[in-house]
Amino acid sequence: MNRRRDAKVRMIPLERISVVNPRERGKRKFKQIVDNIASLGLKKPITVTPKDAANGDDEYYLVCGQGRYEAVSYTHLRAHET
């Protein structure tokens, strides 16, 4: 099976995505990403791969897009604070 061909764009709840190898990012760069997503939306998808979940729930590992993932998480939390 060719995984590349089977790739789909789907909406996945952020709490089902795990960051395995987190990367540090400066506050200024993070603010740029947050501001960009807040004004334009998420233009490039966050790439994930399925975990083998023992409980049967769909869970995923982050493959690419940690900055976007964190910025979307941050803007989502800020939207619920008001």
Protein backbone atom coordinates (compact mmCIF):
# COMPACT_ATOMS: atom_id res chain seq x y z
CA MET A 1 0.00 0.00 0.00
CA ASN A 2 1.32 3.42 -0.93
CA ARG A 3 0.74 5.64 2.14
CA ARG A 4 1.43 8.80 0.13
CA ARG A 5 -1.43 8.04 -2.21
CA ASP A 6 -3.74 7.23 0.73
CA ALA A 7 -3.08 10.57 2.43
CA LYS A 8 -6.16 12.67 3.14
CA VAL A 9 -6.82 16.05 4.65
CA ARG A 10 -9.00 15.61 7.74
CA MET A 11 -9.96 17.63 10.78
CA ILE A 12 -8.43 15.97 13.84
CA PRO A 13 -8.95 17.20 17.42
CA LEU A 14 -5.70 18.71 18.69
CA GLU A 15 -5.85 16.67 21.90
CA ARG A 16 -5.40 13.50 19.81
CA ILE A 17 -2.00 14.64 18.48
CA SER A 18 1.22 13.94 20.40
CA VAL A 19 4.49 15.79 19.83
CA VAL A 20 7.25 13.20 20.22
CA ASN A 21 10.36 15.33 19.63
CA PRO A 22 9.48 18.90 20.64
CA ARG A 23 11.57 21.74 19.27
CA GLU A 24 12.25 25.02 21.04
CA ARG A 25 11.19 28.19 19.23
CA GLY A 26 11.77 31.83 20.15
CA LYS A 27 8.85 33.93 21.43
CA ARG A 28 9.13 36.36 18.51
CA LYS A 29 8.91 33.60 15.88
CA PHE A 30 6.01 31.96 17.76
CA LYS A 31 4.13 35.28 17.85
CA GLN A 32 4.63 35.66 14.09
CA ILE A 33 3.13 32.22 13.48
CA VAL A 34 0.20 32.92 15.84
CA ASP A 35 -0.51 36.31 14.24
CA ASN A 36 -0.28 34.84 10.74
CA ILE A 37 -2.72 32.02 11.52
CA ALA A 38 -5.05 34.40 13.36
CA SER A 39 -5.25 36.71 10.35
CA LEU A 40 -5.04 34.24 7.43
CA GLY A 41 -6.03 30.90 8.89
CA LEU A 42 -4.09 27.67 8.65
CA LYS A 43 -2.90 27.61 5.03
CA LYS A 44 -0.66 24.55 5.21
CA PRO A 45 -1.88 21.38 6.95
CA ILE A 46 -0.25 19.84 9.99
CA THR A 47 1.13 16.41 9.06
CA VAL A 48 0.47 13.46 11.39
CA THR A 49 0.78 9.69 11.32
CA PRO A 50 -1.50 7.25 13.17
CA LYS A 51 -0.44 5.73 16.49
CA ASP A 52 -1.19 2.14 17.33
CA ALA A 53 -3.75 2.96 20.02
CA ALA A 54 -4.57 0.06 22.35
CA ASN A 55 -7.89 1.62 23.35
CA GLY A 56 -9.14 1.86 19.77
CA ASP A 57 -9.27 5.67 19.71
CA ASP A 58 -7.72 7.46 16.75
CA GLU A 59 -4.52 9.04 18.05
CA TYR A 60 -1.65 10.52 16.07
CA TYR A 61 2.01 11.50 16.22
CA LEU A 62 3.04 14.88 14.84
CA VAL A 63 5.27 14.50 11.79
CA CYS A 64 5.57 18.08 10.51
CA GLY A 65 4.19 21.45 11.59
CA GLN A 66 4.95 21.77 15.30
CA GLY A 67 4.93 25.57 15.12
CA ARG A 68 1.55 25.57 13.37
CA TYR A 69 0.20 22.96 15.81
CA GLU A 70 1.26 25.03 18.83
CA ALA A 71 -0.03 28.26 17.31
CA VAL A 72 -3.42 26.74 16.50
CA SER A 73 -3.56 25.28 20.04
CA TYR A 74 -2.72 28.70 21.47
CA THR A 75 -5.26 30.62 19.36
CA HIS A 76 -7.91 27.99 20.12
CA LEU A 77 -7.32 28.40 23.87
CA ARG A 78 -7.35 32.21 23.59
CA ALA A 79 -10.67 32.10 21.72
CA HIS A 80 -12.26 30.16 24.60
CA GLU A 81 -10.95 32.48 27.31
CA THR A 82 -13.27 35.35 26.33
